[in-house]
PDB file of N, CA and C in Angstrom:
ATOM      1  N   MET A   1      44.871   7.302  51.487  1.00  0.00           N
ATOM      2  CA  MET A   1      44.906   6.049  50.768  1.00  0.00           C
ATOM      3  C   MET A   1      46.251   5.373  51.018  1.00  0.00           C
ATOM      4  N   LYS A   2      46.176   4.113  51.355  1.00  0.00           N
ATOM      5  CA  LYS A   2      47.398   3.366  51.628  1.00  0.00           C
ATOM      6  C   LYS A   2      47.854   2.654  50.360  1.00  0.00           C
ATOM      7  N   PHE A   3      49.132   2.801  50.055  1.00  0.00           N
ATOM      8  CA  PHE A   3      49.682   2.199  48.851  1.00  0.00           C
ATOM      9  C   PHE A   3      50.373   0.873  49.127  1.00  0.00           C
ATOM     10  N   ALA A   4      50.415   0.444  50.372  1.00  0.00           N
ATOM     11  CA  ALA A   4      51.113  -0.797  50.709  1.00  0.00           C
ATOM     12  C   ALA A   4      50.525  -2.008  49.978  1.00  0.00           C
ATOM     13  N   PRO A   5      49.181  -2.157  49.884  1.00  0.00           N
ATOM     14  CA  PRO A   5      48.667  -3.320  49.150  1.00  0.00           C
ATOM     15  C   PRO A   5      49.017  -3.302  47.666  1.00  0.00           C
ATOM     16  N   LEU A   6      49.215  -2.114  47.109  1.00  0.00           N
ATOM     17  CA  LEU A   6      49.584  -2.030  45.695  1.00  0.00           C
ATOM     18  C   LEU A   6      51.036  -2.412  45.482  1.00  0.00           C
ATOM     19  N   ILE A   7      51.877  -2.031  46.424  1.00  0.00           N
ATOM     20  CA  ILE A   7      53.307  -2.293  46.292  1.00  0.00           C
ATOM     21  C   ILE A   7      53.642  -3.714  46.733  1.00  0.00           C
ATOM     22  N   ASP A   8      53.066  -4.135  47.858  1.00  0.00           N
ATOM     23  CA  ASP A   8      53.347  -5.460  48.413  1.00  0.00           C
ATOM     24  C   ASP A   8      52.033  -6.243  48.522  1.00  0.00           C
ATOM     25  N   PRO A   9      51.736  -7.151  47.594  1.00  0.00           N
ATOM     26  CA  PRO A   9      50.473  -7.894  47.629  1.00  0.00           C
ATOM     27  C   PRO A   9      50.295  -8.757  48.874  1.00  0.00           C
ATOM     28  N   ALA A  10      51.366  -9.097  49.581  1.00  0.00           N
ATOM     29  CA  ALA A  10      51.247  -9.920  50.787  1.00  0.00           C
ATOM     30  C   ALA A  10      50.551  -9.169  51.915  1.00  0.00           C
ATOM     31  N   VAL A  11      50.484  -7.842  51.842  1.00  0.00           N
ATOM     32  CA  VAL A  11      49.862  -7.027  52.879  1.00  0.00           C
ATOM     33  C   VAL A  11      48.339  -6.991  52.722  1.00  0.00           C
ATOM     34  N   ARG A  12      47.846  -7.381  51.565  1.00  0.00           N
ATOM     35  CA  ARG A  12      46.405  -7.322  51.291  1.00  0.00           C
ATOM     36  C   ARG A  12      45.616  -8.210  52.236  1.00  0.00           C
ATOM     37  N   LYS A  13      44.385  -7.787  52.483  1.00  0.00           N
ATOM     38  CA  LYS A  13      43.471  -8.622  53.262  1.00  0.00           C
ATOM     39  C   LYS A  13      43.048  -9.807  52.395  1.00  0.00           C
ATOM     40  N   PRO A  14      42.768 -10.947  53.014  1.00  0.00           N
ATOM     41  CA  PRO A  14      42.307 -12.080  52.211  1.00  0.00           C
ATOM     42  C   PRO A  14      40.925 -11.786  51.623  1.00  0.00           C
ATOM     43  N   ALA A  15      40.686 -12.316  50.444  1.00  0.00           N
ATOM     44  CA  ALA A  15      39.401 -12.110  49.780  1.00  0.00           C
ATOM     45  C   ALA A  15      38.301 -12.841  50.553  1.00  0.00           C
ATOM     46  N   PRO A  16      37.112 -12.264  50.628  1.00  0.00           N
ATOM     47  CA  PRO A  16      36.027 -12.957  51.325  1.00  0.00           C
ATOM     48  C   PRO A  16      35.581 -14.185  50.535  1.00  0.00           C
ATOM     49  N   LYS A  17      35.049 -15.163  51.256  1.00  0.00           N
ATOM     50  CA  LYS A  17      34.549 -16.366  50.602  1.00  0.00           C
ATOM     51  C   LYS A  17      33.274 -16.018  49.837  1.00  0.00           C
ATOM     52  N   PRO A  18      33.044 -16.668  48.699  1.00  0.00           N
ATOM     53  CA  PRO A  18      31.836 -16.372  47.932  1.00  0.00           C
ATOM     54  C   PRO A  18      30.583 -16.805  48.690  1.00  0.00           C
ATOM     55  N   VAL A  19      29.539 -16.043  48.530  1.00  0.00           N
ATOM     56  CA  VAL A  19      28.268 -16.330  49.189  1.00  0.00           C
ATOM     57  C   VAL A  19      27.487 -17.307  48.319  1.00  0.00           C
ATOM     58  N   ARG A  20      26.932 -18.320  48.942  1.00  0.00           N
ATOM     59  CA  ARG A  20      26.115 -19.295  48.216  1.00  0.00           C
ATOM     60  C   ARG A  20      24.719 -18.705  48.068  1.00  0.00           C
ATOM     61  N   VAL A  21      24.287 -18.472  46.841  1.00  0.00           N
ATOM     62  CA  VAL A  21      23.010 -17.826  46.560  1.00  0.00           C
ATOM     63  C   VAL A  21      22.048 -18.864  46.004  1.00  0.00           C
ATOM     64  N   ASP A  22      20.784 -18.777  46.421  1.00  0.00           N
ATOM     65  CA  ASP A  22      19.757 -19.672  45.901  1.00  0.00           C
ATOM     66  C   ASP A  22      19.249 -19.111  44.575  1.00  0.00           C
ATOM     67  N   LEU A  23      19.740 -19.656  43.479  1.00  0.00           N
ATOM     68  CA  LEU A  23      19.365 -19.157  42.162  1.00  0.00           C
ATOM     69  C   LEU A  23      18.021 -19.688  41.690  1.00  0.00           C
ATOM     70  N   ARG A  24      17.437 -20.635  42.414  1.00  0.00           N
ATOM     71  CA  ARG A  24      16.138 -21.165  41.998  1.00  0.00           C
ATOM     72  C   ARG A  24      15.089 -20.074  41.956  1.00  0.00           C
ATOM     73  N   LYS A  25      15.108 -19.175  42.946  1.00  0.00           N
ATOM     74  CA  LYS A  25      14.127 -18.087  42.973  1.00  0.00           C
ATOM     75  C   LYS A  25      14.314 -17.166  41.775  1.00  0.00           C
ATOM     76  N   VAL A  26      15.550 -16.830  41.481  1.00  0.00           N
ATOM     77  CA  VAL A  26      15.844 -15.923  40.365  1.00  0.00           C
ATOM     78  C   VAL A  26      15.407 -16.548  39.044  1.00  0.00           C
ATOM     79  N   PHE A  27      15.778 -17.811  38.818  1.00  0.00           N
ATOM     80  CA  PHE A  27      15.422 -18.477  37.567  1.00  0.00           C
ATOM     81  C   PHE A  27      13.918 -18.703  37.470  1.00  0.00           C
ATOM     82  N   ALA A  28      13.261 -19.017  38.589  1.00  0.00           N
ATOM     83  CA  ALA A  28      11.811 -19.235  38.565  1.00  0.00           C
ATOM     84  C   ALA A  28      11.071 -17.938  38.250  1.00  0.00           C
ATOM     85  N   ILE A  29      11.496 -16.835  38.838  1.00  0.00           N
ATOM     86  CA  ILE A  29      10.849 -15.550  38.554  1.00  0.00           C
ATOM     87  C   ILE A  29      11.068 -15.165  37.094  1.00  0.00           C
ATOM     88  N   GLY A  30      12.276 -15.324  36.606  1.00  0.00           N
ATOM     89  CA  GLY A  30      12.555 -15.007  35.204  1.00  0.00           C
ATOM     90  C   GLY A  30      11.758 -15.869  34.244  1.00  0.00           C
ATOM     91  N   THR A  31      11.677 -17.165  34.526  1.00  0.00           N
ATOM     92  CA  THR A  31      10.899 -18.064  33.675  1.00  0.00           C
ATOM     93  C   THR A  31       9.422 -17.711  33.736  1.00  0.00           C
ATOM     94  N   GLY A  32       8.940 -17.358  34.925  1.00  0.00           N
ATOM     95  CA  GLY A  32       7.541 -16.939  35.059  1.00  0.00           C
ATOM     96  C   GLY A  32       7.237 -15.695  34.243  1.00  0.00           C
ATOM     97  N   LEU A  33       8.160 -14.750  34.231  1.00  0.00           N
ATOM     98  CA  LEU A  33       7.964 -13.543  33.420  1.00  0.00           C
ATOM     99  C   LEU A  33       7.954 -13.875  31.928  1.00  0.00           C
ATOM    100  N   TRP A  34       8.796 -14.818  31.511  1.00  0.00           N
ATOM    101  CA  TRP A  34       8.766 -15.229  30.107  1.00  0.00           C
ATOM    102  C   TRP A  34       7.446 -15.912  29.771  1.00  0.00           C
ATOM    103  N   ILE A  35       6.892 -16.684  30.702  1.00  0.00           N
ATOM    104  CA  ILE A  35       5.602 -17.343  30.464  1.00  0.00           C
ATOM    105  C   ILE A  35       4.499 -16.305  30.337  1.00  0.00           C
ATOM    106  N   VAL A  36       4.514 -15.288  31.195  1.00  0.00           N
ATOM    107  CA  VAL A  36       3.522 -14.209  31.101  1.00  0.00           C
ATOM    108  C   VAL A  36       3.651 -13.500  29.754  1.00  0.00           C
ATOM    109  N   ALA A  37       4.875 -13.210  29.347  1.00  0.00           N
ATOM    110  CA  ALA A  37       5.088 -12.563  28.048  1.00  0.00           C
ATOM    111  C   ALA A  37       4.602 -13.453  26.909  1.00  0.00           C
ATOM    112  N   LEU A  38       4.825 -14.758  27.027  1.00  0.00           N
ATOM    113  CA  LEU A  38       4.361 -15.686  25.998  1.00  0.00           C
ATOM    114  C   LEU A  38       2.841 -15.682  25.901  1.00  0.00           C
ATOM    115  N   ILE A  39       2.162 -15.651  27.035  1.00  0.00           N
ATOM    116  CA  ILE A  39       0.696 -15.615  27.030  1.00  0.00           C
ATOM    117  C   ILE A  39       0.197 -14.338  26.359  1.00  0.00           C
ATOM    118  N   VAL A  40       0.811 -13.211  26.692  1.00  0.00           N
ATOM    119  CA  VAL A  40       0.414 -11.935  26.079  1.00  0.00           C
ATOM    120  C   VAL A  40       0.636 -11.977  24.572  1.00  0.00           C
ATOM    121  N   VAL A  41       1.767 -12.496  24.147  1.00  0.00           N
ATOM    122  CA  VAL A  41       2.077 -12.548  22.716  1.00  0.00           C
ATOM    123  C   VAL A  41       1.150 -13.526  21.996  1.00  0.00           C
ATOM    124  N   LEU A  42       0.804 -14.636  22.645  1.00  0.00           N
ATOM    125  CA  LEU A  42      -0.138 -15.575  22.024  1.00  0.00           C
ATOM    126  C   LEU A  42      -1.519 -14.951  21.871  1.00  0.00           C
ATOM    127  N   ILE A  43      -1.928 -14.137  22.835  1.00  0.00           N
ATOM    128  CA  ILE A  43      -3.206 -13.420  22.707  1.00  0.00           C
ATOM    129  C   ILE A  43      -3.139 -12.450  21.533  1.00  0.00           C
ATOM    130  N   LEU A  44      -2.037 -11.730  21.418  1.00  0.00           N
ATOM    131  CA  LEU A  44      -1.875 -10.814  20.282  1.00  0.00           C
ATOM    132  C   LEU A  44      -1.868 -11.573  18.957  1.00  0.00           C
ATOM    133  N   LEU A  45      -1.268 -12.745  18.941  1.00  0.00           N
ATOM    134  CA  LEU A  45      -1.245 -13.564  17.732  1.00  0.00           C
ATOM    135  C   LEU A  45      -2.651 -14.036  17.383  1.00  0.00           C
ATOM    136  N   ALA A  46      -3.438 -14.402  18.399  1.00  0.00           N
ATOM    137  CA  ALA A  46      -4.811 -14.850  18.162  1.00  0.00           C
ATOM    138  C   ALA A  46      -5.689 -13.711  17.650  1.00  0.00           C
ATOM    139  N   VAL A  47      -5.408 -12.489  18.077  1.00  0.00           N
ATOM    140  CA  VAL A  47      -6.190 -11.333  17.635  1.00  0.00           C
ATOM    141  C   VAL A  47      -5.865 -10.991  16.184  1.00  0.00           C
ATOM    142  N   GLY A  48      -4.678 -11.314  15.735  1.00  0.00           N
ATOM    143  CA  GLY A  48      -4.351 -11.082  14.342  1.00  0.00           C
ATOM    144  C   GLY A  48      -3.080 -10.296  14.100  1.00  0.00           C
ATOM    145  N   TYR A  49      -2.365  -9.977  15.141  1.00  0.00           N
ATOM    146  CA  TYR A  49      -1.102  -9.258  14.966  1.00  0.00           C
ATOM    147  C   TYR A  49      -0.023 -10.224  14.475  1.00  0.00           C
ATOM    148  N   SER A  50       0.922  -9.693  13.739  1.00  0.00           N
ATOM    149  CA  SER A  50       2.027 -10.500  13.235  1.00  0.00           C
ATOM    150  C   SER A  50       3.183 -10.428  14.238  1.00  0.00           C
ATOM    151  N   VAL A  51       3.170 -11.348  15.183  1.00  0.00           N
ATOM    152  CA  VAL A  51       4.160 -11.322  16.267  1.00  0.00           C
ATOM    153  C   VAL A  51       4.890 -12.659  16.403  1.00  0.00           C
ATOM    154  N   MET A  52       5.020 -13.375  15.293  1.00  0.00           N
ATOM    155  CA  MET A  52       5.657 -14.692  15.367  1.00  0.00           C
ATOM    156  C   MET A  52       7.098 -14.639  15.870  1.00  0.00           C
ATOM    157  N   PRO A  53       7.922 -13.645  15.492  1.00  0.00           N
ATOM    158  CA  PRO A  53       9.276 -13.595  16.075  1.00  0.00           C
ATOM    159  C   PRO A  53       9.252 -13.431  17.601  1.00  0.00           C
ATOM    160  N   LEU A  54       8.257 -12.718  18.116  1.00  0.00           N
ATOM    161  CA  LEU A  54       8.150 -12.565  19.569  1.00  0.00           C
ATOM    162  C   LEU A  54       7.738 -13.871  20.238  1.00  0.00           C
ATOM    163  N   VAL A  55       6.893 -14.651  19.565  1.00  0.00           N
ATOM    164  CA  VAL A  55       6.514 -15.963  20.100  1.00  0.00           C
ATOM    165  C   VAL A  55       7.752 -16.845  20.207  1.00  0.00           C
ATOM    166  N   ILE A  56       8.564 -16.847  19.164  1.00  0.00           N
ATOM    167  CA  ILE A  56       9.786 -17.663  19.168  1.00  0.00           C
ATOM    168  C   ILE A  56      10.723 -17.208  20.286  1.00  0.00           C
ATOM    169  N   MET A  57      10.842 -15.897  20.461  1.00  0.00           N
ATOM    170  CA  MET A  57      11.723 -15.375  21.508  1.00  0.00           C
ATOM    171  C   MET A  57      11.217 -15.763  22.899  1.00  0.00           C
ATOM    172  N   CYS A  58       9.903 -15.674  23.122  1.00  0.00           N
ATOM    173  CA  CYS A  58       9.351 -16.032  24.436  1.00  0.00           C
ATOM    174  C   CYS A  58       9.490 -17.523  24.712  1.00  0.00           C
ATOM    175  N   VAL A  59       9.275 -18.347  23.693  1.00  0.00           N
ATOM    176  CA  VAL A  59       9.448 -19.796  23.869  1.00  0.00           C
ATOM    177  C   VAL A  59      10.906 -20.107  24.195  1.00  0.00           C
ATOM    178  N   ALA A  60      11.825 -19.434  23.515  1.00  0.00           N
ATOM    179  CA  ALA A  60      13.248 -19.636  23.811  1.00  0.00           C
ATOM    180  C   ALA A  60      13.565 -19.211  25.243  1.00  0.00           C
ATOM    181  N   GLY A  61      12.982 -18.111  25.699  1.00  0.00           N
ATOM    182  CA  GLY A  61      13.194 -17.666  27.081  1.00  0.00           C
ATOM    183  C   GLY A  61      12.694 -18.678  28.092  1.00  0.00           C
ATOM    184  N   VAL A  62      11.523 -19.267  27.822  1.00  0.00           N
ATOM    185  CA  VAL A  62      10.973 -20.281  28.731  1.00  0.00           C
ATOM    186  C   VAL A  62      11.861 -21.523  28.738  1.00  0.00           C
ATOM    187  N   ILE A  63      12.297 -21.960  27.566  1.00  0.00           N
ATOM    188  CA  ILE A  63      13.149 -23.157  27.486  1.00  0.00           C
ATOM    189  C   ILE A  63      14.473 -22.927  28.208  1.00  0.00           C
ATOM    190  N   ILE A  64      15.087 -21.779  27.981  1.00  0.00           N
ATOM    191  CA  ILE A  64      16.352 -21.478  28.664  1.00  0.00           C
ATOM    192  C   ILE A  64      16.143 -21.404  30.172  1.00  0.00           C
ATOM    193  N   GLY A  65      15.043 -20.794  30.608  1.00  0.00           N
ATOM    194  CA  GLY A  65      14.749 -20.722  32.039  1.00  0.00           C
ATOM    195  C   GLY A  65      14.578 -22.095  32.660  1.00  0.00           C
ATOM    196  N   LEU A  66      13.873 -22.983  31.962  1.00  0.00           N
ATOM    197  CA  LEU A  66      13.694 -24.342  32.480  1.00  0.00           C
ATOM    198  C   LEU A  66      15.023 -25.098  32.528  1.00  0.00           C
ATOM    199  N   LEU A  67      15.850 -24.909  31.499  1.00  0.00           N
ATOM    200  CA  LEU A  67      17.170 -25.551  31.516  1.00  0.00           C
ATOM    201  C   LEU A  67      18.028 -25.032  32.670  1.00  0.00           C
ATOM    202  N   LEU A  68      17.937 -23.738  32.953  1.00  0.00           N
ATOM    203  CA  LEU A  68      18.696 -23.183  34.076  1.00  0.00           C
ATOM    204  C   LEU A  68      18.173 -23.707  35.414  1.00  0.00           C
ATOM    205  N   LEU A  69      16.861 -23.904  35.522  1.00  0.00           N
ATOM    206  CA  LEU A  69      16.317 -24.492  36.752  1.00  0.00           C
ATOM    207  C   LEU A  69      16.819 -25.920  36.940  1.00  0.00           C
ATOM    208  N   ILE A  70      16.880 -26.681  35.858  1.00  0.00           N
ATOM    209  CA  ILE A  70      17.411 -28.050  35.938  1.00  0.00           C
ATOM    210  C   ILE A  70      18.889 -28.020  36.316  1.00  0.00           C
ATOM    211  N   TRP A  71      19.642 -27.115  35.691  1.00  0.00           N
ATOM    212  CA  TRP A  71      21.064 -26.991  36.018  1.00  0.00           C
ATOM    213  C   TRP A  71      21.251 -26.637  37.493  1.00  0.00           C
ATOM    214  N   GLU A  72      20.469 -25.697  38.000  1.00  0.00           N
ATOM    215  CA  GLU A  72      20.596 -25.284  39.403  1.00  0.00           C
ATOM    216  C   GLU A  72      20.244 -26.433  40.337  1.00  0.00           C
ATOM    217  N   TYR A  73      19.258 -27.255  39.965  1.00  0.00           N
ATOM    218  CA  TYR A  73      18.893 -28.408  40.793  1.00  0.00           C
ATOM    219  C   TYR A  73      20.087 -29.345  40.945  1.00  0.00           C
ATOM    220  N   PHE A  74      20.732 -29.683  39.833  1.00  0.00           N
ATOM    221  CA  PHE A  74      21.860 -30.611  39.905  1.00  0.00           C
ATOM    222  C   PHE A  74      23.090 -29.965  40.533  1.00  0.00           C
ATOM    223  N   ASP A  75      23.299 -28.683  40.298  1.00  0.00           N
ATOM    224  CA  ASP A  75      24.418 -27.985  40.922  1.00  0.00           C
ATOM    225  C   ASP A  75      24.239 -27.952  42.433  1.00  0.00           C
ATOM    226  N   ARG A  76      23.049 -27.681  42.910  1.00  0.00           N
ATOM    227  CA  ARG A  76      22.769 -27.655  44.340  1.00  0.00           C
ATOM    228  C   ARG A  76      22.869 -29.065  44.924  1.00  0.00           C
ATOM    229  N   TRP A  77      22.458 -30.075  44.149  1.00  0.00           N
ATOM    230  CA  TRP A  77      22.549 -31.451  44.605  1.00  0.00           C
ATOM    231  C   TRP A  77      24.014 -31.828  44.805  1.00  0.00           C
ATOM    232  N   ASP A  78      24.871 -31.460  43.849  1.00  0.00           N
ATOM    233  CA  ASP A  78      26.311 -31.727  44.000  1.00  0.00           C
ATOM    234  C   ASP A  78      26.883 -30.971  45.191  1.00  0.00           C
ATOM    235  N   TYR A  79      26.450 -29.748  45.377  1.00  0.00           N
ATOM    236  CA  TYR A  79      26.942 -28.928  46.481  1.00  0.00           C
ATOM    237  C   TYR A  79      26.580 -29.565  47.825  1.00  0.00           C
ATOM    238  N   ARG A  80      25.338 -30.048  47.955  1.00  0.00           N
ATOM    239  CA  ARG A  80      24.924 -30.708  49.203  1.00  0.00           C
ATOM    240  C   ARG A  80      25.682 -32.019  49.398  1.00  0.00           C
ATOM    241  N   ARG A  81      25.861 -32.777  48.309  1.00  0.00           N
ATOM    242  CA  ARG A  81      26.532 -34.075  48.404  1.00  0.00           C
ATOM    243  C   ARG A  81      27.995 -33.904  48.803  1.00  0.00           C
ATOM    244  N   LEU A  82      28.661 -32.913  48.245  1.00  0.00           N
ATOM    245  CA  LEU A  82      30.068 -32.694  48.565  1.00  0.00           C
ATOM    246  C   LEU A  82      30.251 -32.099  49.956  1.00  0.00           C
ATOM    247  N   GLY A  83      29.221 -31.455  50.470  1.00  0.00           N
ATOM    248  CA  GLY A  83      29.323 -30.839  51.788  1.00  0.00           C
ATOM    249  C   GLY A  83      29.199 -31.830  52.930  1.00  0.00           C
ATOM    250  N   GLN A  84      28.763 -33.040  52.648  1.00  0.00           N
ATOM    251  CA  GLN A  84      28.557 -34.014  53.727  1.00  0.00           C
ATOM    252  C   GLN A  84      29.804 -34.786  54.056  1.00  0.00           C
TER     253      GLN A  84
END
């Protein structure tokens, strides 16, 4: 193990540039899973189970997922605009 980077920070290698990741896929899959969970919970609610807190949680998950998709759209739009 070399101790030079610990003693002298100027010897360190430069940090790699961050990778641009397409978060639309991640947010879309997550939102889709929340929608599936919401459908399952609504079926349970229709059958007669008391699952109203789960309905609220699934609706919140869908809303947050949609907001994140909107945020990613505008963030990517700014990224493309600034790159030109």
